[in-house]
């Protein structure tokens, strides 16, 4: 008898268009991070953050014989490439461990410039002016059970 281990699935997504960014935004909605887990590398024109997101994949695939699924959370890397300018509003830089809950990530074009906008639930915002739309997210390890049940 063969020993079959459960295949782990990690998300690894890249957005080069608005529709693809919408998928990443949906995956990251409700993710938790803090300013201490963010970094803007001006030399390499990259903004990066480590977030903890809810993994809705089991809910979507209904991998259970119960009438509920226990949500899992997973550490995820989030990156914005080609960042020319980054600004923050409503984020207290002196409280680098204060939790921030991501509401959405969106993009808009204004005067031939691309602006990415990260909105957090407590009025915190990050604006990134980018040369090209290039946003990535990648799960960093195993998902861990949370205490949240989702009824199917």
N, C-alpha and C. Protein backbone atom coordinates (compact mmCIF):
# COMPACT_ATOMS: atom_id res chain seq x y z
N UNK A 1 0.85 -1.16 0.00
CA UNK A 1 0.00 0.00 0.00
C UNK A 1 0.91 1.24 0.00
N UNK A 2 0.61 2.17 -0.88
CA UNK A 2 1.39 3.39 -0.96
C UNK A 2 0.94 4.40 0.09
N UNK A 3 1.88 5.14 0.57
CA UNK A 3 1.59 6.18 1.54
C UNK A 3 1.38 7.49 0.78
N UNK A 4 0.15 7.94 0.71
CA UNK A 4 -0.15 9.19 0.00
C UNK A 4 -0.29 10.32 1.00
N UNK A 5 0.55 11.30 0.88
CA UNK A 5 0.43 12.50 1.70
C UNK A 5 -0.50 13.47 1.01
N UNK A 6 -1.21 14.25 1.83
CA UNK A 6 -2.08 15.27 1.27
C UNK A 6 -1.23 16.29 0.52
N UNK A 7 -1.60 16.54 -0.72
CA UNK A 7 -0.87 17.51 -1.52
C UNK A 7 -1.20 18.91 -1.03
N UNK A 8 -0.17 19.65 -0.72
CA UNK A 8 -0.35 21.01 -0.25
C UNK A 8 -0.43 21.94 -1.45
N UNK A 9 -1.36 22.86 -1.40
CA UNK A 9 -1.47 23.81 -2.50
C UNK A 9 -1.18 25.21 -1.97
N UNK A 10 -0.27 25.86 -2.61
CA UNK A 10 0.09 27.22 -2.27
C UNK A 10 -0.29 28.11 -3.43
N UNK A 11 -0.80 29.29 -3.10
CA UNK A 11 -1.10 30.25 -4.16
C UNK A 11 0.17 31.02 -4.50
N UNK A 12 0.35 31.21 -5.77
CA UNK A 12 1.44 32.03 -6.29
C UNK A 12 0.86 32.76 -7.50
N UNK A 13 0.56 34.04 -7.32
CA UNK A 13 -0.15 34.80 -8.33
C UNK A 13 0.63 36.04 -8.74
N UNK A 14 0.44 36.42 -9.99
CA UNK A 14 1.05 37.65 -10.51
C UNK A 14 0.00 38.41 -11.31
N UNK A 15 -0.08 39.70 -11.06
CA UNK A 15 -1.04 40.54 -11.76
C UNK A 15 -0.31 41.54 -12.65
N UNK A 16 -0.62 41.50 -13.94
CA UNK A 16 -0.09 42.47 -14.89
C UNK A 16 -1.23 43.30 -15.49
N UNK A 17 -2.48 42.92 -15.17
CA UNK A 17 -3.66 43.62 -15.66
C UNK A 17 -4.64 43.81 -14.50
N UNK A 18 -5.58 44.73 -14.67
CA UNK A 18 -6.54 45.06 -13.62
C UNK A 18 -7.33 43.83 -13.15
N UNK A 19 -7.80 43.01 -14.08
CA UNK A 19 -8.59 41.84 -13.71
C UNK A 19 -7.80 40.88 -12.84
N UNK A 20 -6.52 40.72 -13.13
CA UNK A 20 -5.66 39.85 -12.34
C UNK A 20 -5.42 40.45 -10.95
N UNK A 21 -5.31 41.78 -10.88
CA UNK A 21 -5.15 42.44 -9.59
C UNK A 21 -6.39 42.24 -8.73
N UNK A 22 -7.55 42.21 -9.36
CA UNK A 22 -8.79 41.96 -8.61
C UNK A 22 -8.76 40.60 -7.93
N UNK A 23 -8.17 39.60 -8.57
CA UNK A 23 -8.07 38.26 -7.98
C UNK A 23 -7.15 38.31 -6.76
N UNK A 24 -5.99 38.96 -6.90
CA UNK A 24 -5.07 39.07 -5.77
C UNK A 24 -5.74 39.84 -4.63
N UNK A 25 -6.43 40.91 -4.95
CA UNK A 25 -7.12 41.69 -3.93
C UNK A 25 -8.13 40.84 -3.18
N UNK A 26 -8.89 40.01 -3.90
CA UNK A 26 -9.88 39.14 -3.26
C UNK A 26 -9.20 38.12 -2.35
N UNK A 27 -8.08 37.58 -2.79
CA UNK A 27 -7.35 36.60 -1.97
C UNK A 27 -6.80 37.23 -0.69
N UNK A 28 -6.43 38.49 -0.77
CA UNK A 28 -5.80 39.17 0.37
C UNK A 28 -6.78 39.94 1.24
N UNK A 29 -8.05 40.03 0.83
CA UNK A 29 -9.02 40.78 1.61
C UNK A 29 -9.10 40.20 3.02
N UNK A 30 -8.96 41.07 4.01
CA UNK A 30 -9.00 40.64 5.40
C UNK A 30 -7.65 40.20 5.95
N UNK A 31 -6.61 40.25 5.12
CA UNK A 31 -5.27 39.87 5.58
C UNK A 31 -4.80 40.83 6.66
N UNK A 32 -3.97 40.30 7.54
CA UNK A 32 -3.42 41.09 8.63
C UNK A 32 -1.92 41.28 8.40
N UNK A 33 -1.45 42.50 8.64
CA UNK A 33 -0.04 42.82 8.56
C UNK A 33 0.24 43.93 9.55
N UNK A 34 1.44 44.42 9.57
CA UNK A 34 1.79 45.59 10.37
C UNK A 34 2.91 46.33 9.65
N UNK A 35 3.13 47.58 10.02
CA UNK A 35 4.14 48.37 9.34
C UNK A 35 5.52 47.74 9.47
N UNK A 36 5.79 47.06 10.59
CA UNK A 36 7.07 46.40 10.80
C UNK A 36 7.32 45.24 9.85
N UNK A 37 6.29 44.78 9.15
CA UNK A 37 6.40 43.69 8.17
C UNK A 37 6.40 44.21 6.74
N UNK A 38 6.60 45.52 6.59
CA UNK A 38 6.63 46.15 5.27
C UNK A 38 8.01 46.75 5.00
N UNK A 39 8.37 46.80 3.73
CA UNK A 39 9.66 47.37 3.36
C UNK A 39 9.55 47.98 1.96
N UNK A 40 10.08 49.19 1.81
CA UNK A 40 10.18 49.81 0.50
C UNK A 40 11.65 49.88 0.14
N UNK A 41 12.05 49.12 -0.87
CA UNK A 41 13.42 49.10 -1.36
C UNK A 41 13.48 50.05 -2.54
N UNK A 42 13.86 51.29 -2.25
CA UNK A 42 13.86 52.34 -3.28
C UNK A 42 14.83 52.00 -4.41
N UNK A 43 15.99 51.44 -4.06
CA UNK A 43 17.00 51.12 -5.07
C UNK A 43 16.49 50.10 -6.09
N UNK A 44 15.76 49.09 -5.61
CA UNK A 44 15.24 48.06 -6.51
C UNK A 44 13.78 48.31 -6.91
N UNK A 45 13.25 49.46 -6.49
CA UNK A 45 11.88 49.88 -6.84
C UNK A 45 10.86 48.81 -6.48
N UNK A 46 10.93 48.33 -5.23
CA UNK A 46 10.05 47.24 -4.80
C UNK A 46 9.48 47.54 -3.41
N UNK A 47 8.17 47.35 -3.30
CA UNK A 47 7.50 47.39 -2.00
C UNK A 47 7.10 45.96 -1.67
N UNK A 48 7.38 45.53 -0.45
CA UNK A 48 7.03 44.17 -0.05
C UNK A 48 6.44 44.17 1.34
N UNK A 49 5.56 43.23 1.58
CA UNK A 49 4.94 43.06 2.90
C UNK A 49 4.68 41.58 3.14
N UNK A 50 4.79 41.19 4.40
CA UNK A 50 4.37 39.85 4.81
C UNK A 50 2.99 40.01 5.43
N UNK A 51 2.06 39.20 4.98
CA UNK A 51 0.69 39.27 5.47
C UNK A 51 0.26 37.87 5.91
N UNK A 52 -0.75 37.83 6.75
CA UNK A 52 -1.38 36.57 7.11
C UNK A 52 -2.79 36.64 6.54
N UNK A 53 -3.06 35.77 5.57
CA UNK A 53 -4.36 35.82 4.89
C UNK A 53 -5.18 34.58 5.26
N UNK A 54 -6.49 34.70 5.13
CA UNK A 54 -7.36 33.54 5.27
C UNK A 54 -7.32 32.76 3.98
N UNK A 55 -7.25 31.46 4.10
CA UNK A 55 -7.24 30.58 2.94
C UNK A 55 -8.66 30.09 2.70
N UNK A 56 -9.29 30.64 1.68
CA UNK A 56 -10.68 30.29 1.36
C UNK A 56 -10.76 29.09 0.40
N UNK A 57 -9.63 28.51 0.07
CA UNK A 57 -9.62 27.44 -0.93
C UNK A 57 -10.45 26.22 -0.50
N UNK A 58 -10.38 25.82 0.78
CA UNK A 58 -11.17 24.67 1.25
C UNK A 58 -12.67 24.95 1.20
N UNK A 59 -13.03 26.21 1.45
CA UNK A 59 -14.44 26.58 1.37
C UNK A 59 -14.90 26.48 -0.08
N UNK A 60 -14.08 26.98 -1.00
CA UNK A 60 -14.45 26.96 -2.42
C UNK A 60 -14.55 25.54 -2.96
N UNK A 61 -13.66 24.66 -2.51
CA UNK A 61 -13.67 23.29 -3.03
C UNK A 61 -14.48 22.34 -2.16
N UNK A 62 -14.90 22.84 -1.00
CA UNK A 62 -15.72 22.05 -0.06
C UNK A 62 -15.09 20.70 0.25
N UNK A 63 -13.83 20.72 0.64
CA UNK A 63 -13.11 19.49 0.99
C UNK A 63 -13.47 19.04 2.40
N UNK A 64 -14.73 18.73 2.61
CA UNK A 64 -15.20 18.28 3.91
C UNK A 64 -16.51 17.53 3.74
N UNK A 65 -16.79 16.66 4.69
CA UNK A 65 -18.08 15.97 4.67
C UNK A 65 -18.98 16.55 5.76
N UNK A 66 -18.54 17.64 6.40
CA UNK A 66 -19.34 18.32 7.41
C UNK A 66 -20.06 19.50 6.77
N UNK A 67 -20.93 20.12 7.54
CA UNK A 67 -21.65 21.29 7.00
C UNK A 67 -20.91 22.59 7.28
N UNK A 68 -19.65 22.49 7.68
CA UNK A 68 -18.84 23.67 7.89
C UNK A 68 -17.39 23.37 7.55
N UNK A 69 -16.63 24.42 7.37
CA UNK A 69 -15.19 24.32 7.13
C UNK A 69 -14.51 25.24 8.13
N UNK A 70 -13.44 24.78 8.74
CA UNK A 70 -12.65 25.64 9.60
C UNK A 70 -11.65 26.38 8.71
N UNK A 71 -11.75 27.69 8.75
CA UNK A 71 -10.84 28.50 7.93
C UNK A 71 -9.40 28.31 8.39
N UNK A 72 -8.51 28.39 7.45
CA UNK A 72 -7.09 28.32 7.75
C UNK A 72 -6.49 29.68 7.44
N UNK A 73 -5.36 29.98 8.07
CA UNK A 73 -4.64 31.18 7.69
C UNK A 73 -3.22 30.79 7.33
N UNK A 74 -2.63 31.63 6.48
CA UNK A 74 -1.32 31.30 5.91
C UNK A 74 -0.51 32.58 5.71
N UNK A 75 0.77 32.50 6.00
CA UNK A 75 1.67 33.63 5.75
C UNK A 75 1.87 33.78 4.24
N UNK A 76 1.81 35.01 3.78
CA UNK A 76 1.88 35.30 2.35
C UNK A 76 2.76 36.52 2.11
N UNK A 77 3.60 36.41 1.08
CA UNK A 77 4.41 37.56 0.66
C UNK A 77 3.63 38.33 -0.40
N UNK A 78 3.64 39.64 -0.28
CA UNK A 78 2.98 40.54 -1.23
C UNK A 78 4.03 41.51 -1.73
N UNK A 79 4.10 41.68 -3.06
CA UNK A 79 5.11 42.56 -3.65
C UNK A 79 4.51 43.43 -4.73
N UNK A 80 5.01 44.65 -4.78
CA UNK A 80 4.71 45.55 -5.89
C UNK A 80 6.05 45.91 -6.51
N UNK A 81 6.19 45.66 -7.80
CA UNK A 81 7.43 45.96 -8.52
C UNK A 81 7.30 47.31 -9.23
N UNK A 82 8.43 47.83 -9.69
CA UNK A 82 8.49 49.06 -10.50
C UNK A 82 7.93 50.28 -9.78
N UNK A 83 8.13 50.36 -8.45
CA UNK A 83 7.60 51.46 -7.65
C UNK A 83 8.50 52.68 -7.79
N UNK A 84 7.93 53.75 -8.29
CA UNK A 84 8.66 55.02 -8.45
C UNK A 84 8.53 55.89 -7.20
N UNK A 85 7.38 55.82 -6.57
CA UNK A 85 7.13 56.66 -5.40
C UNK A 85 6.14 55.93 -4.50
N UNK A 86 6.37 56.01 -3.18
CA UNK A 86 5.49 55.37 -2.21
C UNK A 86 5.13 56.37 -1.14
N UNK A 87 3.86 56.44 -0.78
CA UNK A 87 3.44 57.32 0.30
C UNK A 87 2.42 56.61 1.18
N UNK A 88 2.41 56.99 2.44
CA UNK A 88 1.51 56.39 3.41
C UNK A 88 0.65 57.48 4.02
N UNK A 89 -0.56 57.09 4.40
CA UNK A 89 -1.45 58.02 5.08
C UNK A 89 -2.21 57.25 6.15
N UNK A 90 -2.23 57.78 7.36
CA UNK A 90 -3.00 57.16 8.44
C UNK A 90 -2.34 55.94 9.05
N UNK A 91 -1.05 55.74 8.79
CA UNK A 91 -0.31 54.62 9.40
C UNK A 91 0.75 55.24 10.31
N UNK A 92 0.66 54.92 11.59
CA UNK A 92 1.59 55.47 12.58
C UNK A 92 2.90 54.70 12.51
N UNK A 93 3.93 55.34 11.98
CA UNK A 93 5.22 54.69 11.79
C UNK A 93 5.92 54.38 13.11
N UNK A 94 5.49 55.02 14.20
CA UNK A 94 6.09 54.74 15.50
C UNK A 94 5.53 53.47 16.13
N UNK A 95 4.41 52.97 15.60
CA UNK A 95 3.79 51.75 16.11
C UNK A 95 3.93 50.65 15.06
N UNK A 96 5.16 50.17 14.87
CA UNK A 96 5.40 49.24 13.78
C UNK A 96 4.74 47.88 13.98
N UNK A 97 4.27 47.56 15.17
CA UNK A 97 3.60 46.27 15.41
C UNK A 97 2.08 46.38 15.50
N UNK A 98 1.55 47.56 15.26
CA UNK A 98 0.10 47.72 15.27
C UNK A 98 -0.49 46.97 14.07
N UNK A 99 -1.48 46.14 14.34
CA UNK A 99 -2.07 45.33 13.28
C UNK A 99 -2.89 46.18 12.31
N UNK A 100 -2.73 45.86 11.03
CA UNK A 100 -3.47 46.51 9.95
C UNK A 100 -4.21 45.43 9.18
N UNK A 101 -5.49 45.63 8.97
CA UNK A 101 -6.31 44.68 8.21
C UNK A 101 -6.57 45.25 6.81
N UNK A 102 -6.11 44.52 5.80
CA UNK A 102 -6.26 44.97 4.42
C UNK A 102 -7.70 44.81 3.95
N UNK A 103 -8.24 45.88 3.40
CA UNK A 103 -9.59 45.85 2.84
C UNK A 103 -9.53 45.55 1.35
N UNK A 104 -8.67 46.27 0.63
CA UNK A 104 -8.61 46.08 -0.81
C UNK A 104 -7.31 46.62 -1.39
N UNK A 105 -7.00 46.14 -2.57
CA UNK A 105 -5.89 46.65 -3.39
C UNK A 105 -6.51 47.02 -4.73
N UNK A 106 -6.28 48.24 -5.18
CA UNK A 106 -6.85 48.66 -6.46
C UNK A 106 -5.81 49.43 -7.25
N UNK A 107 -6.09 49.61 -8.53
CA UNK A 107 -5.21 50.36 -9.42
C UNK A 107 -6.05 51.33 -10.24
N UNK A 108 -5.42 52.46 -10.54
CA UNK A 108 -6.07 53.41 -11.46
C UNK A 108 -5.00 54.10 -12.28
N UNK A 109 -5.39 54.53 -13.44
CA UNK A 109 -4.48 55.24 -14.33
C UNK A 109 -4.93 56.69 -14.39
N UNK A 110 -3.97 57.60 -14.16
CA UNK A 110 -4.28 59.03 -14.18
C UNK A 110 -3.11 59.73 -14.87
N UNK A 111 -3.42 60.42 -15.93
CA UNK A 111 -2.39 61.13 -16.71
C UNK A 111 -1.24 60.20 -17.08
N UNK A 112 -1.61 59.04 -17.59
CA UNK A 112 -0.67 58.03 -18.06
C UNK A 112 0.26 57.48 -16.99
N UNK A 113 -0.09 57.68 -15.72
CA UNK A 113 0.64 57.09 -14.61
C UNK A 113 -0.26 56.07 -13.93
N UNK A 114 0.36 55.02 -13.40
CA UNK A 114 -0.39 53.97 -12.72
C UNK A 114 -0.21 54.15 -11.22
N UNK A 115 -1.32 54.14 -10.50
CA UNK A 115 -1.30 54.28 -9.05
C UNK A 115 -1.96 53.06 -8.42
N UNK A 116 -1.26 52.43 -7.50
CA UNK A 116 -1.82 51.33 -6.72
C UNK A 116 -2.21 51.89 -5.35
N UNK A 117 -3.32 51.40 -4.83
CA UNK A 117 -3.87 51.92 -3.59
C UNK A 117 -4.22 50.74 -2.69
N UNK A 118 -3.58 50.66 -1.53
CA UNK A 118 -3.90 49.66 -0.52
C UNK A 118 -4.68 50.37 0.57
N UNK A 119 -5.85 49.85 0.89
CA UNK A 119 -6.70 50.46 1.90
C UNK A 119 -6.82 49.49 3.07
N UNK A 120 -6.59 50.00 4.28
CA UNK A 120 -6.70 49.20 5.50
C UNK A 120 -7.93 49.64 6.28
N UNK A 121 -8.46 48.75 7.12
CA UNK A 121 -9.74 48.98 7.77
C UNK A 121 -9.74 50.15 8.75
N UNK A 122 -8.61 50.55 9.27
CA UNK A 122 -8.58 51.64 10.25
C UNK A 122 -8.14 52.97 9.63
N UNK A 123 -8.47 53.19 8.40
CA UNK A 123 -8.17 54.42 7.65
C UNK A 123 -6.73 54.52 7.19
N UNK A 124 -5.92 53.50 7.38
CA UNK A 124 -4.56 53.52 6.86
C UNK A 124 -4.57 53.27 5.36
N UNK A 125 -3.66 53.94 4.65
CA UNK A 125 -3.59 53.79 3.20
C UNK A 125 -2.14 53.83 2.75
N UNK A 126 -1.86 53.08 1.69
CA UNK A 126 -0.57 53.13 1.02
C UNK A 126 -0.83 53.41 -0.45
N UNK A 127 -0.11 54.40 -0.98
CA UNK A 127 -0.19 54.75 -2.39
C UNK A 127 1.16 54.45 -3.04
N UNK A 128 1.13 53.76 -4.16
CA UNK A 128 2.36 53.48 -4.88
C UNK A 128 2.19 53.92 -6.33
N UNK A 129 3.06 54.81 -6.76
CA UNK A 129 3.10 55.19 -8.17
C UNK A 129 4.06 54.21 -8.83
N UNK A 130 3.58 53.49 -9.85
CA UNK A 130 4.39 52.46 -10.49
C UNK A 130 4.56 52.72 -11.97
N UNK A 131 5.66 52.22 -12.49
CA UNK A 131 5.94 52.35 -13.92
C UNK A 131 5.09 51.37 -14.73
N UNK A 132 4.99 50.15 -14.24
CA UNK A 132 4.17 49.09 -14.85
C UNK A 132 3.40 48.38 -13.76
N UNK A 133 2.25 47.84 -14.10
CA UNK A 133 1.49 47.05 -13.14
C UNK A 133 2.15 45.67 -13.03
N UNK A 134 2.74 45.40 -11.88
CA UNK A 134 3.38 44.12 -11.61
C UNK A 134 3.28 43.85 -10.12
N UNK A 135 2.22 43.13 -9.74
CA UNK A 135 1.93 42.82 -8.35
C UNK A 135 1.96 41.31 -8.18
N UNK A 136 2.58 40.86 -7.08
CA UNK A 136 2.72 39.42 -6.86
C UNK A 136 2.35 39.07 -5.43
N UNK A 137 1.82 37.87 -5.28
CA UNK A 137 1.61 37.30 -3.95
C UNK A 137 2.01 35.84 -3.99
N UNK A 138 2.58 35.37 -2.89
CA UNK A 138 3.03 33.98 -2.83
C UNK A 138 2.94 33.48 -1.40
N UNK A 139 2.24 32.36 -1.21
CA UNK A 139 2.15 31.75 0.10
C UNK A 139 3.52 31.24 0.53
N UNK A 140 3.79 31.35 1.84
CA UNK A 140 5.12 31.06 2.34
C UNK A 140 5.24 29.80 3.19
N UNK A 141 4.18 29.09 3.38
CA UNK A 141 4.28 27.89 4.21
C UNK A 141 2.93 27.22 4.34
N UNK A 142 2.87 26.33 5.30
CA UNK A 142 1.65 25.57 5.52
C UNK A 142 0.55 26.44 6.13
N UNK A 143 -0.67 26.15 5.75
CA UNK A 143 -1.82 26.83 6.34
C UNK A 143 -2.06 26.24 7.73
N UNK A 144 -2.51 27.09 8.63
CA UNK A 144 -2.77 26.69 10.02
C UNK A 144 -4.24 26.94 10.31
N UNK A 145 -4.88 26.00 11.03
CA UNK A 145 -6.28 26.18 11.38
C UNK A 145 -6.48 27.43 12.22
N UNK A 146 -7.51 28.18 11.90
CA UNK A 146 -7.91 29.29 12.73
C UNK A 146 -9.08 28.78 13.60
N UNK A 147 -9.67 29.62 14.35
CA UNK A 147 -10.81 29.23 15.19
C UNK A 147 -12.13 29.61 14.53
N UNK A 148 -12.08 29.96 13.25
CA UNK A 148 -13.27 30.46 12.56
C UNK A 148 -13.90 29.35 11.72
N UNK A 149 -15.20 29.11 11.95
CA UNK A 149 -15.93 28.12 11.17
C UNK A 149 -16.80 28.85 10.15
N UNK A 150 -16.79 28.34 8.92
CA UNK A 150 -17.64 28.86 7.87
C UNK A 150 -18.68 27.80 7.55
N UNK A 151 -19.95 28.14 7.73
CA UNK A 151 -21.03 27.21 7.46
C UNK A 151 -21.27 27.15 5.96
N UNK A 152 -21.36 25.92 5.46
CA UNK A 152 -21.57 25.73 4.02
C UNK A 152 -23.04 25.68 3.67
